[in-house]
Amino acid sequence: MAKEGKEFGDIVREGMTVDSGNALERNFELAKKMIMLTPEGKVILAHHNKLGGEDKIVLYLVGKVYAKVAGYTNEIEVPNKELLDELGMKEGSLAPWLKFLRDKGQIKQTVKNNLSYHFVPNNLIESELKRIWDKVGDKAETNK
């Protein structure tokens, strides 16, 4: 039964609708504690020395989404070579980390022109930022 002259559909929309696209905006303050961007679309991790390889990859990929929103890049998908170069990783360590993250569902892979690209799905951005901040937040705050 509808309340106060409202249609039940309106009540459902008001009470249950979320804007998943708003995760970037909702988590902006948290993200900027860990991610910096250059106008060329590069992502710089603020606490890279406190992060393991898997978290560096996830955070870099989240940074690319912010870079796209800022108009610094056209793509959120990152080629493996960029991850290697920008994160200073060895080729032999990158592939197992990427597979681990794909298997856990934390990142997705696409293939373009026979090259692998990776990205973080939008619905995971908020939980990944919070998960990583839970690991580095206390360390970051005490080392200011």
Protein backbone atom coordinates (compact mmCIF):
# COMPACT_ATOMS: atom_id res chain seq x y z
CA MET A 1 0.00 0.00 0.00
CA ALA A 2 1.38 3.39 -1.01
CA LYS A 3 2.00 6.03 1.65
CA GLU A 4 0.66 9.58 1.60
CA GLY A 5 -0.51 9.55 -2.00
CA LYS A 6 2.80 8.32 -3.42
CA GLU A 7 2.91 5.52 -5.91
CA PHE A 8 4.75 2.44 -4.66
CA GLY A 9 7.26 2.77 -7.54
CA ASP A 10 8.18 6.24 -6.28
CA ILE A 11 8.69 4.90 -2.77
CA VAL A 12 10.95 2.12 -4.07
CA ARG A 13 12.99 4.56 -6.18
CA GLU A 14 13.42 6.96 -3.26
CA GLY A 15 14.28 4.28 -0.73
CA MET A 16 16.39 1.85 -2.71
CA THR A 17 18.10 3.69 -5.57
CA VAL A 18 21.83 4.32 -5.37
CA ASP A 19 24.07 6.12 -7.81
CA SER A 20 27.00 3.77 -8.32
CA GLY A 21 28.63 6.26 -10.70
CA ASN A 22 28.97 8.59 -7.76
CA ALA A 23 31.58 6.35 -6.08
CA LEU A 24 34.39 8.47 -7.50
CA GLU A 25 32.93 11.64 -6.06
CA ARG A 26 32.02 10.04 -2.72
CA ASN A 27 35.57 8.76 -2.30
CA PHE A 28 37.46 11.73 -3.72
CA GLU A 29 38.91 12.88 -0.38
CA LEU A 30 40.13 9.36 0.36
CA ALA A 31 41.51 8.85 -3.15
CA LYS A 32 43.52 12.07 -3.12
CA LYS A 33 45.33 10.88 0.02
CA MET A 34 46.75 8.02 -2.04
CA ILE A 35 46.68 9.10 -5.69
CA MET A 36 48.13 12.06 -7.57
CA LEU A 37 47.73 12.79 -11.29
CA THR A 38 49.81 14.57 -13.88
CA PRO A 39 48.23 16.54 -16.75
CA GLU A 40 49.69 13.89 -19.08
CA GLY A 41 47.49 11.25 -17.44
CA LYS A 42 50.17 9.58 -15.36
CA VAL A 43 49.21 8.24 -11.95
CA ILE A 44 51.52 8.73 -8.98
CA LEU A 45 50.95 6.70 -5.83
CA ALA A 46 51.50 8.74 -2.69
CA HIS A 47 52.39 5.83 -0.40
CA HIS A 48 53.99 3.44 -2.90
CA ASN A 49 56.63 2.29 -0.39
CA LYS A 50 53.88 1.12 1.99
CA LEU A 51 52.03 -0.92 -0.65
CA GLY A 52 52.48 -4.43 -1.93
CA GLY A 53 52.53 -5.10 -5.65
CA GLU A 54 48.89 -6.08 -5.91
CA ASP A 55 47.70 -2.96 -4.11
CA LYS A 56 49.93 -0.75 -6.26
CA ILE A 57 48.31 -2.20 -9.37
CA VAL A 58 44.76 -1.73 -8.09
CA LEU A 59 45.43 1.80 -6.89
CA TYR A 60 47.12 2.74 -10.18
CA LEU A 61 44.09 1.45 -12.09
CA VAL A 62 41.73 3.43 -9.84
CA GLY A 63 43.90 6.48 -10.48
CA LYS A 64 43.39 6.03 -14.22
CA VAL A 65 39.63 6.31 -13.72
CA TYR A 66 40.14 9.64 -11.93
CA ALA A 67 42.55 10.71 -14.71
CA LYS A 68 39.84 10.04 -17.28
CA VAL A 69 37.29 12.05 -15.30
CA ALA A 70 39.84 14.91 -15.15
CA GLY A 71 40.23 14.76 -18.92
CA TYR A 72 43.89 13.73 -18.68
CA THR A 73 43.39 10.45 -20.53
CA ASN A 74 40.77 8.90 -22.76
CA GLU A 75 41.00 5.36 -21.42
CA ILE A 76 40.65 3.64 -18.07
CA GLU A 77 42.23 0.46 -19.43
CA VAL A 78 45.97 0.31 -18.77
CA PRO A 79 48.40 -1.75 -20.87
CA ASN A 80 50.77 -4.08 -19.06
CA LYS A 81 53.78 -2.13 -20.33
CA GLU A 82 52.51 1.03 -18.63
CA LEU A 83 52.09 -0.83 -15.35
CA LEU A 84 55.63 -2.18 -15.65
CA ASP A 85 57.12 1.21 -16.50
CA GLU A 86 55.14 3.43 -14.15
CA LEU A 87 55.17 1.13 -11.13
CA GLY A 88 58.79 0.05 -11.60
CA MET A 89 57.88 -3.61 -11.58
CA LYS A 90 59.77 -6.49 -13.05
CA GLU A 91 58.04 -8.31 -15.88
CA GLY A 92 58.24 -11.62 -14.04
CA SER A 93 56.37 -10.27 -11.02
CA LEU A 94 53.62 -8.38 -12.86
CA ALA A 95 51.93 -11.33 -14.59
CA PRO A 96 51.33 -13.40 -11.42
CA TRP A 97 49.93 -10.36 -9.58
CA LEU A 98 47.60 -9.55 -12.47
CA LYS A 99 46.37 -13.15 -12.59
CA PHE A 100 45.82 -13.19 -8.83
CA LEU A 101 43.81 -9.94 -9.01
CA ARG A 102 41.76 -11.19 -11.98
CA ASP A 103 41.05 -14.49 -10.23
CA LYS A 104 39.84 -12.60 -7.12
CA GLY A 105 37.65 -10.39 -9.32
CA GLN A 106 39.41 -7.19 -8.27
CA ILE A 107 40.40 -6.22 -11.82
CA LYS A 108 39.23 -7.08 -15.34
CA GLN A 109 41.23 -7.69 -18.50
CA THR A 110 40.58 -6.66 -22.09
CA VAL A 111 42.65 -7.35 -25.19
CA LYS A 112 43.24 -4.78 -27.92
CA ASN A 113 45.53 -5.42 -30.88
CA ASN A 114 46.89 -8.54 -29.14
CA LEU A 115 47.93 -6.50 -26.07
CA SER A 116 46.51 -7.00 -22.56
CA TYR A 117 44.91 -4.09 -20.77
CA HIS A 118 43.52 -4.04 -17.24
CA PHE A 119 41.01 -1.89 -15.34
CA VAL A 120 39.10 -1.77 -12.06
CA PRO A 121 35.33 -2.16 -12.49
CA ASN A 122 33.43 0.92 -11.28
CA ASN A 123 31.45 -1.08 -8.74
CA LEU A 124 34.70 -2.01 -6.93
CA ILE A 125 36.38 1.39 -6.76
CA GLU A 126 34.92 2.36 -3.38
CA SER A 127 35.66 -0.94 -1.65
CA GLU A 128 39.19 -1.10 -3.09
CA LEU A 129 40.05 2.44 -1.98
CA LYS A 130 38.79 1.72 1.52
CA ARG A 131 40.57 -1.64 1.68
CA ILE A 132 43.89 -0.12 0.65
CA TRP A 133 43.50 2.90 2.96
CA ASP A 134 42.83 0.51 5.85
CA LYS A 135 46.30 -0.93 5.18
CA VAL A 136 48.26 2.30 4.69
CA GLY A 137 46.20 4.95 6.47
CA ASP A 138 47.67 4.59 9.93
CA LYS A 139 51.20 4.33 8.53
CA ALA A 140 50.64 7.38 6.33
CA GLU A 141 49.19 9.49 9.17
CA THR A 142 52.06 8.69 11.57
CA ASN A 143 54.75 9.40 8.97
CA LYS A 144 53.67 12.93 8.06
